[in-house]
N, C-alpha and C. Protein backbone atom coordinates (compact mmCIF):
# COMPACT_ATOMS: atom_id res chain seq x y z
N UNK A 1 1.36 -1.10 0.04
CA UNK A 1 -0.03 0.05 0.11
C UNK A 1 0.77 1.21 -0.04
N UNK A 2 0.64 1.84 -1.07
CA UNK A 2 1.35 3.31 -0.98
C UNK A 2 1.04 4.38 -0.26
N UNK A 3 1.51 4.93 0.50
CA UNK A 3 0.27 6.11 1.17
C UNK A 3 0.71 7.79 0.28
N UNK A 4 1.51 7.50 -0.07
CA UNK A 4 1.97 9.15 -0.84
C UNK A 4 1.09 9.08 -2.11
N UNK A 5 0.44 10.17 -1.81
CA UNK A 5 -0.56 10.33 -3.42
C UNK A 5 -0.42 10.81 -4.12
N UNK A 6 1.22 11.60 -3.97
CA UNK A 6 2.00 11.76 -5.66
C UNK A 6 2.77 10.49 -6.20
N UNK A 7 2.49 9.15 -5.75
CA UNK A 7 3.77 8.39 -6.26
C UNK A 7 3.24 7.96 -7.24
N UNK A 8 3.82 7.60 -8.51
CA UNK A 8 3.85 6.88 -9.72
C UNK A 8 2.88 5.72 -9.26
N UNK A 9 1.88 4.59 -10.02
CA UNK A 9 1.43 4.24 -10.01
C UNK A 9 2.86 2.91 -10.64
N UNK A 10 2.91 1.61 -10.07
CA UNK A 10 4.42 0.85 -10.77
C UNK A 10 3.59 0.13 -12.56
N UNK A 11 4.40 0.23 -12.57
CA UNK A 11 3.91 -0.36 -14.51
C UNK A 11 3.27 -2.29 -13.57
N UNK A 12 2.59 -2.75 -14.88
CA UNK A 12 2.25 -3.87 -14.36
C UNK A 12 2.64 -4.34 -15.77
N UNK A 13 2.97 -5.57 -15.70
CA UNK A 13 3.33 -6.46 -17.69
C UNK A 13 2.24 -7.76 -17.58
N UNK A 14 1.59 -7.79 -18.07
CA UNK A 14 0.43 -8.89 -18.52
C UNK A 14 1.94 -10.64 -18.72
N UNK A 15 1.10 -11.48 -17.76
CA UNK A 15 2.01 -13.03 -18.02
C UNK A 15 1.03 -13.64 -17.93
N UNK A 16 1.43 -14.83 -18.77
CA UNK A 16 1.18 -16.13 -19.04
C UNK A 16 1.64 -17.48 -18.25
N UNK A 17 1.04 -17.61 -17.26
CA UNK A 17 2.25 -18.84 -16.43
C UNK A 17 1.47 -20.34 -16.91
N UNK A 18 2.69 -20.86 -16.88
CA UNK A 18 2.48 -22.64 -17.36
C UNK A 18 2.73 -22.84 -16.37
N UNK A 19 1.54 -23.59 -15.89
CA UNK A 19 1.56 -24.25 -14.26
C UNK A 19 1.49 -25.90 -14.13
N UNK A 20 2.20 -26.65 -13.74
CA UNK A 20 2.97 -28.35 -13.38
C UNK A 20 2.02 -28.86 -13.73
N UNK A 21 0.50 -28.26 -13.07
CA UNK A 21 -0.93 -29.19 -14.08
C UNK A 21 -1.44 -29.11 -15.30
N UNK A 22 -0.70 -28.43 -16.47
CA UNK A 22 -0.76 -27.84 -17.65
C UNK A 22 -2.07 -26.95 -17.88
N UNK A 23 -2.05 -25.71 -17.03
CA UNK A 23 -2.89 -25.07 -17.20
C UNK A 23 -2.25 -23.41 -17.17
N UNK A 24 -2.92 -22.87 -18.39
CA UNK A 24 -2.09 -21.60 -18.55
C UNK A 24 -3.12 -20.33 -17.56
N UNK A 25 -2.38 -19.35 -17.15
CA UNK A 25 -3.07 -19.18 -15.98
C UNK A 25 -2.73 -17.51 -16.49
N UNK A 26 -3.40 -16.50 -16.70
CA UNK A 26 -3.27 -15.02 -17.42
C UNK A 26 -3.44 -14.35 -15.65
N UNK A 27 -2.28 -13.44 -16.28
CA UNK A 27 -1.87 -12.77 -14.79
C UNK A 27 -1.54 -11.08 -15.14
N UNK A 28 -1.31 -10.17 -14.50
CA UNK A 28 -0.73 -9.01 -14.48
C UNK A 28 -0.31 -8.97 -13.73
N UNK A 29 1.17 -8.24 -13.29
CA UNK A 29 1.64 -7.99 -12.03
C UNK A 29 2.62 -6.84 -12.32
N UNK A 30 2.92 -6.55 -11.34
CA UNK A 30 3.88 -5.24 -11.07
C UNK A 30 5.73 -4.99 -11.60
N UNK A 31 6.28 -4.22 -12.29
CA UNK A 31 7.46 -4.30 -12.83
C UNK A 31 8.17 -3.71 -11.80
N UNK A 32 9.35 -4.90 -11.30
CA UNK A 32 10.57 -3.79 -10.06
C UNK A 32 11.65 -4.85 -10.28
N UNK A 33 12.54 -3.57 -10.87
CA UNK A 33 13.71 -3.60 -11.01
C UNK A 33 14.16 -4.77 -12.53
N UNK A 34 13.54 -4.94 -13.07
CA UNK A 34 14.03 -6.01 -14.35
C UNK A 34 13.32 -7.16 -14.23
N UNK A 35 12.45 -7.34 -12.94
CA UNK A 35 11.78 -8.39 -12.78
C UNK A 35 10.06 -8.29 -12.79
N UNK A 36 9.04 -9.09 -12.94
CA UNK A 36 7.75 -8.92 -12.83
C UNK A 36 7.35 -9.93 -11.28
N UNK A 37 7.00 -9.17 -10.17
CA UNK A 37 7.31 -9.37 -8.68
C UNK A 37 5.48 -10.01 -8.71
N UNK A 38 5.73 -11.51 -8.41
CA UNK A 38 3.95 -12.01 -8.28
C UNK A 38 4.32 -11.49 -6.30
N UNK A 39 3.84 -11.13 -5.68
CA UNK A 39 3.92 -10.61 -4.38
C UNK A 39 2.80 -11.84 -3.13
N UNK A 40 1.75 -12.10 -3.80
CA UNK A 40 1.15 -13.11 -3.69
C UNK A 40 1.54 -14.77 -3.17
N UNK A 41 2.47 -15.32 -4.24
CA UNK A 41 2.72 -16.24 -4.22
C UNK A 41 4.48 -16.00 -4.02
N UNK A 42 4.96 -14.95 -3.63
CA UNK A 42 6.43 -14.62 -3.44
C UNK A 42 7.57 -15.06 -4.23
N UNK A 43 6.86 -14.88 -5.64
CA UNK A 43 7.91 -15.10 -6.68
C UNK A 43 7.95 -14.21 -7.59
N UNK A 44 9.13 -14.03 -8.51
CA UNK A 44 9.71 -13.10 -9.37
C UNK A 44 10.20 -14.06 -10.97
N UNK A 45 9.85 -13.03 -11.86
CA UNK A 45 10.34 -13.22 -12.80
C UNK A 45 11.20 -12.42 -13.99
N UNK A 46 12.13 -12.86 -14.55
CA UNK A 46 13.47 -12.01 -15.40
C UNK A 46 12.22 -11.43 -15.79
N UNK A 47 12.42 -10.11 -16.45
CA UNK A 47 11.81 -9.88 -17.64
C UNK A 47 12.60 -8.97 -18.70
N UNK A 48 12.51 -9.97 -19.99
CA UNK A 48 13.57 -10.23 -20.83
C UNK A 48 12.67 -9.57 -22.34
N UNK A 49 13.10 -8.59 -22.89
CA UNK A 49 12.39 -7.80 -24.23
C UNK A 49 11.97 -9.08 -25.47
N UNK A 50 13.26 -9.88 -25.22
CA UNK A 50 13.60 -10.98 -26.20
C UNK A 50 11.97 -11.97 -26.25
N UNK A 51 11.81 -11.89 -24.95
CA UNK A 51 10.38 -13.38 -24.66
C UNK A 51 9.02 -12.66 -24.76
N UNK A 52 9.34 -11.64 -24.77
CA UNK A 52 7.46 -11.30 -24.93
C UNK A 52 7.19 -11.51 -26.13
N UNK A 53 5.93 -11.39 -25.87
CA UNK A 53 5.39 -12.17 -27.22
C UNK A 53 4.58 -10.94 -27.38
N UNK A 54 4.42 -10.81 -28.88
CA UNK A 54 3.41 -9.53 -29.25
C UNK A 54 2.96 -9.56 -30.11
N UNK A 55 1.24 -9.30 -29.74
CA UNK A 55 0.25 -10.36 -30.44
C UNK A 55 -0.37 -9.25 -31.69
N UNK A 56 -0.65 -9.65 -32.88
CA UNK A 56 -1.12 -8.62 -33.45
C UNK A 56 -2.06 -7.72 -33.60
N UNK A 57 -2.80 -7.84 -32.27
CA UNK A 57 -4.04 -7.03 -32.30
C UNK A 57 -3.29 -5.86 -31.89
N UNK A 58 -2.59 -5.67 -31.20
CA UNK A 58 -1.72 -4.33 -30.99
C UNK A 58 -2.45 -4.60 -29.22
N UNK A 59 -2.48 -5.84 -28.40
CA UNK A 59 -2.78 -5.19 -27.17
C UNK A 59 -1.16 -5.24 -26.71
N UNK A 60 -1.01 -4.99 -25.52
CA UNK A 60 0.14 -5.09 -24.71
C UNK A 60 0.91 -6.72 -24.44
N UNK A 61 2.28 -6.64 -25.10
CA UNK A 61 2.80 -7.74 -25.14
C UNK A 61 2.67 -8.47 -24.25
N UNK A 62 2.84 -10.06 -23.85
CA UNK A 62 2.74 -11.03 -22.65
C UNK A 62 4.29 -11.53 -22.55
N UNK A 63 4.43 -11.65 -21.11
CA UNK A 63 5.43 -12.64 -21.08
C UNK A 63 5.08 -13.99 -20.72
N UNK A 64 5.49 -15.43 -21.33
CA UNK A 64 4.98 -16.01 -20.74
C UNK A 64 6.16 -16.99 -19.61
N UNK A 65 5.75 -17.33 -18.74
CA UNK A 65 6.62 -17.94 -17.72
C UNK A 65 6.65 -19.58 -17.35
N UNK A 66 7.31 -19.93 -16.35
CA UNK A 66 6.71 -21.02 -15.64
C UNK A 66 6.85 -20.91 -14.55
N UNK A 67 5.74 -22.27 -13.98
CA UNK A 67 5.93 -21.78 -12.33
C UNK A 67 7.47 -21.91 -11.68
N UNK A 68 8.20 -22.95 -12.25
CA UNK A 68 9.37 -24.14 -11.89
C UNK A 68 10.77 -23.43 -12.01
N UNK A 69 10.37 -21.62 -12.68
CA UNK A 69 12.10 -21.17 -13.06
C UNK A 69 11.70 -19.43 -13.44
N UNK A 70 12.77 -18.61 -12.85
CA UNK A 70 12.16 -17.24 -12.92
C UNK A 70 13.08 -17.09 -14.33
N UNK A 71 13.54 -17.69 -14.84
CA UNK A 71 13.52 -17.54 -16.73
C UNK A 71 12.48 -17.59 -16.96
N UNK A 72 11.82 -16.80 -18.14
CA UNK A 72 11.13 -16.37 -18.71
C UNK A 72 11.26 -17.88 -19.83
N UNK A 73 10.33 -18.35 -20.04
CA UNK A 73 10.18 -19.23 -21.82
C UNK A 73 10.20 -18.29 -22.82
N UNK A 74 10.73 -18.91 -24.00
CA UNK A 74 11.66 -18.56 -25.21
C UNK A 74 10.52 -19.47 -25.57
N UNK A 75 9.50 -18.67 -26.47
CA UNK A 75 8.95 -19.24 -27.34
C UNK A 75 9.39 -19.08 -28.84
N UNK A 76 9.99 -18.99 -29.31
CA UNK A 76 10.59 -18.30 -30.66
C UNK A 76 10.24 -18.47 -31.71
N UNK A 77 10.26 -17.49 -32.46
CA UNK A 77 10.11 -17.88 -34.23
C UNK A 77 11.14 -18.35 -35.06
N UNK A 78 10.32 -19.32 -35.75
CA UNK A 78 11.94 -20.18 -36.81
C UNK A 78 12.21 -21.19 -35.61
N UNK A 79 13.95 -20.70 -36.08
CA UNK A 79 14.96 -21.72 -36.37
C UNK A 79 15.97 -21.36 -34.79
N UNK A 80 15.13 -20.26 -34.00
CA UNK A 80 15.94 -19.64 -33.27
C UNK A 80 16.01 -20.79 -32.10
N UNK A 81 18.15 -20.90 -32.33
CA UNK A 81 18.39 -21.36 -30.74
C UNK A 81 18.60 -20.80 -29.53
N UNK A 82 17.45 -21.01 -28.81
CA UNK A 82 17.83 -20.15 -27.06
C UNK A 82 18.60 -20.60 -26.15
N UNK A 83 19.27 -21.78 -26.25
CA UNK A 83 20.14 -22.90 -25.24
C UNK A 83 21.76 -21.53 -24.77
N UNK A 84 21.85 -21.14 -25.51
CA UNK A 84 23.37 -20.31 -25.47
C UNK A 84 22.76 -19.02 -24.61
N UNK A 85 21.39 -18.22 -25.31
CA UNK A 85 20.48 -17.07 -24.38
C UNK A 85 20.27 -17.32 -22.91
N UNK A 86 19.54 -18.71 -22.76
CA UNK A 86 19.11 -18.96 -21.56
C UNK A 86 20.30 -19.08 -20.53
N UNK A 87 21.25 -19.64 -20.86
CA UNK A 87 22.66 -20.20 -20.07
C UNK A 87 23.09 -18.16 -19.72
N UNK A 88 23.17 -17.69 -20.27
CA UNK A 88 23.63 -16.78 -20.29
C UNK A 88 22.61 -15.60 -18.97
N UNK A 89 21.09 -16.01 -19.75
CA UNK A 89 20.55 -15.30 -18.67
C UNK A 89 20.59 -15.66 -16.79
N UNK A 90 20.97 -17.40 -17.24
CA UNK A 90 20.72 -18.17 -15.97
C UNK A 90 22.25 -16.90 -15.05
N UNK A 91 23.48 -16.68 -15.72
CA UNK A 91 24.32 -15.84 -15.26
C UNK A 91 24.09 -14.62 -14.64
N UNK A 92 23.04 -13.43 -15.66
CA UNK A 92 22.45 -12.77 -15.02
C UNK A 92 21.83 -12.69 -14.02
N UNK A 93 20.72 -13.76 -14.00
CA UNK A 93 19.99 -13.71 -12.59
C UNK A 93 21.27 -13.80 -11.64
N UNK A 94 21.96 -15.15 -11.86
CA UNK A 94 22.80 -15.54 -10.63
C UNK A 94 23.34 -13.57 -10.08
N UNK A 95 23.99 -13.33 -11.10
CA UNK A 95 24.76 -12.28 -10.60
C UNK A 95 23.98 -11.03 -10.33
N UNK A 96 22.46 -11.00 -10.17
CA UNK A 96 21.77 -10.12 -10.09
C UNK A 96 20.72 -10.37 -8.48
N UNK A 97 20.88 -11.78 -8.18
CA UNK A 97 20.39 -11.89 -6.91
C UNK A 97 21.73 -12.07 -6.13
N UNK A 98 22.81 -12.20 -6.49
CA UNK A 98 23.88 -12.38 -5.69
C UNK A 98 24.05 -10.84 -5.49
N UNK A 99 24.10 -9.76 -6.07
CA UNK A 99 24.59 -8.12 -5.76
C UNK A 99 23.37 -8.10 -4.87
N UNK A 100 21.77 -8.24 -4.84
CA UNK A 100 20.29 -7.91 -4.37
C UNK A 100 20.87 -8.52 -2.64
N UNK A 101 21.29 -9.61 -2.93
CA UNK A 101 21.64 -10.15 -1.90
C UNK A 101 23.10 -9.57 -0.65
N UNK A 102 23.96 -8.88 -1.47
CA UNK A 102 25.31 -8.27 -1.05
C UNK A 102 24.32 -7.35 -0.17
N UNK A 103 23.72 -6.39 -0.83
CA UNK A 103 22.92 -5.17 -0.39
C UNK A 103 22.10 -5.63 0.83
N UNK A 104 21.06 -6.76 0.88
CA UNK A 104 20.59 -6.79 1.97
C UNK A 104 21.02 -7.33 2.72
N UNK A 105 22.37 -7.99 2.99
CA UNK A 105 22.82 -8.49 3.76
C UNK A 105 23.93 -7.09 4.42
N UNK A 106 23.92 -6.52 4.13
CA UNK A 106 24.81 -5.09 4.16
C UNK A 106 24.30 -4.65 5.08
N UNK A 107 22.57 -4.37 4.50
CA UNK A 107 21.70 -3.55 5.26
C UNK A 107 21.74 -4.61 6.95
N UNK A 108 22.05 -5.46 6.83
CA UNK A 108 21.27 -6.48 8.12
C UNK A 108 21.97 -5.83 9.41
N UNK A 109 22.89 -5.58 9.77
CA UNK A 109 23.56 -5.14 10.80
C UNK A 109 23.08 -3.66 11.26
N UNK A 110 22.34 -2.89 10.45
CA UNK A 110 21.95 -1.40 10.30
C UNK A 110 20.26 -1.78 11.03
N UNK A 111 19.40 -2.87 10.65
CA UNK A 111 18.34 -3.18 10.69
C UNK A 111 18.54 -3.58 12.39
N UNK A 112 19.48 -4.74 12.54
CA UNK A 112 19.45 -5.58 13.66
C UNK A 112 19.34 -4.51 14.76
N UNK A 113 20.45 -3.30 14.94
CA UNK A 113 20.83 -2.30 15.49
C UNK A 113 19.86 -1.57 15.95
N UNK A 114 18.91 -1.34 14.99
CA UNK A 114 17.65 -0.28 14.98
C UNK A 114 16.19 -1.10 15.78
N UNK A 115 16.65 -2.65 15.71
CA UNK A 115 15.63 -3.81 16.20
C UNK A 115 15.98 -4.02 17.58
N UNK A 116 17.47 -3.75 18.02
CA UNK A 116 18.06 -4.05 19.07
C UNK A 116 17.07 -2.95 19.95
N UNK A 117 17.96 -1.59 19.04
CA UNK A 117 17.13 -0.84 20.09
C UNK A 117 15.63 -0.10 20.32
N UNK A 118 15.01 -0.93 19.28
CA UNK A 118 13.30 -0.83 19.82
C UNK A 118 13.03 -1.83 20.89
N UNK A 119 13.48 -3.02 21.20
CA UNK A 119 13.44 -4.10 21.83
C UNK A 119 14.34 -3.63 23.00
N UNK A 120 15.20 -2.94 23.61
CA UNK A 120 15.32 -2.17 24.35
C UNK A 120 14.53 -1.17 24.92
N UNK A 121 13.94 -0.37 24.44
CA UNK A 121 12.86 0.50 24.40
C UNK A 121 12.05 0.19 25.51
N UNK A 122 11.06 -1.47 24.65
CA UNK A 122 10.08 -1.61 25.04
C UNK A 122 10.22 -1.82 26.01
N UNK A 123 11.46 -2.79 26.91
CA UNK A 123 11.95 -3.16 28.15
C UNK A 123 12.14 -2.64 28.74
N UNK A 124 12.26 -1.04 28.70
CA UNK A 124 12.64 -0.33 29.64
C UNK A 124 11.46 0.47 30.05
N UNK A 125 10.19 0.34 28.86
CA UNK A 125 9.13 0.77 29.37
C UNK A 125 8.09 -0.42 30.05
N UNK A 126 8.23 -1.50 29.72
CA UNK A 126 7.87 -2.73 30.94
C UNK A 126 8.46 -2.11 32.17
N UNK A 127 9.69 -2.14 32.24
CA UNK A 127 10.09 -2.28 32.92
C UNK A 127 9.63 -1.23 34.41
N UNK A 128 9.70 -0.39 33.29
CA UNK A 128 8.86 1.25 34.44
C UNK A 128 7.36 0.85 34.46
N UNK A 129 6.74 0.24 33.67
CA UNK A 129 5.39 0.26 33.96
C UNK A 129 5.03 -0.87 35.25
N UNK A 130 5.80 -2.24 35.49
CA UNK A 130 5.36 -2.46 36.13
C UNK A 130 5.70 -2.43 37.55
N UNK A 131 6.97 -1.45 37.86
CA UNK A 131 7.07 -0.61 38.76
C UNK A 131 6.49 0.11 39.21
N UNK A 132 5.80 1.22 38.47
CA UNK A 132 4.69 1.59 39.17
C UNK A 132 3.60 1.31 39.52
N UNK A 133 3.50 0.06 38.79
CA UNK A 133 2.25 -1.14 39.41
C UNK A 133 2.13 -1.22 40.81
N UNK A 134 3.58 -1.97 41.42
CA UNK A 134 3.84 -1.98 42.32
C UNK A 134 4.18 -1.13 43.50
N UNK A 135 4.52 0.15 43.24
CA UNK A 135 4.86 1.16 43.85
C UNK A 135 3.49 1.57 44.27
N UNK A 136 2.78 1.64 43.23
CA UNK A 136 0.84 1.58 43.83
C UNK A 136 0.19 0.77 44.63
N UNK A 137 0.52 -0.22 44.38
CA UNK A 137 -0.02 -1.18 45.00
C UNK A 137 0.62 -1.32 46.63
N UNK A 138 1.78 -1.03 46.66
CA UNK A 138 2.39 -1.06 47.88
C UNK A 138 1.88 0.45 48.67
N UNK A 139 1.54 1.79 47.69
CA UNK A 139 0.54 2.42 48.66
C UNK A 139 -0.38 2.71 49.18
N UNK A 140 -1.02 1.89 48.54
CA UNK A 140 -2.05 1.64 48.60
C UNK A 140 -2.71 0.04 50.02
N UNK A 141 -1.32 -0.39 49.98
CA UNK A 141 -1.66 -1.14 51.02
C UNK A 141 -1.42 -1.08 52.43
N UNK A 142 -0.02 0.41 52.39
CA UNK A 142 0.48 0.83 53.23
C UNK A 142 -1.05 1.95 54.62
N UNK A 143 -1.05 2.46 53.18
CA UNK A 143 -2.08 3.07 53.43
C UNK A 143 -3.99 2.99 54.05
N UNK A 144 -3.85 1.70 53.90
CA UNK A 144 -4.73 0.67 54.57
C UNK A 144 -6.29 0.45 53.63
N UNK A 145 -6.15 1.24 52.08
CA UNK A 145 -6.96 1.41 50.78
C UNK A 145 -7.55 -0.32 50.49
N UNK A 146 -6.09 -1.00 50.83
CA UNK A 146 -6.53 -2.17 50.38
C UNK A 146 -5.83 -3.10 51.05
N UNK A 147 -7.15 -4.29 51.10
CA UNK A 147 -7.35 -4.85 52.00
C UNK A 147 -6.34 -6.70 51.42
N UNK A 148 -5.44 -7.49 51.69
CA UNK A 148 -5.24 -9.11 51.84
C UNK A 148 -6.32 -9.72 51.89
N UNK A 149 -6.55 -10.45 50.72
CA UNK A 149 -7.75 -11.40 51.76
C UNK A 149 -7.34 -12.42 52.74
N UNK A 150 -6.54 -12.40 53.17
CA UNK A 150 -5.47 -13.62 53.66
C UNK A 150 -5.57 -13.21 55.15
């Protein structure tokens, strides 16, 4: 959910998902950094212009993907050999994933320190709340306004 009313909506890409049970599911997912991201299923597919199917009707291009792979399906026309292209894309995907992993790992200590500060702050508030309750009970007991049942 975007709370900024002036932010642009993310571009969506039409996708044909070939499922393992031989169904074809049509959907549209937002594009994020060269990937088409399905946030419900927590999957992402590489967006490559050469893999897009351009319909003759003038509609938007469609990206064919499989449930098993992040690399799109290359349904090329004619006698095009896609083997080397797919291997190169797998290398690209590995590089992109490694870079994103390194960025995420670099941000973890900062996030962990913020979480530790927040946890410490919550603990201090809890201790002060318990201490206040104990002091109130002690004051009520000493003044005689609170009597214990035994």
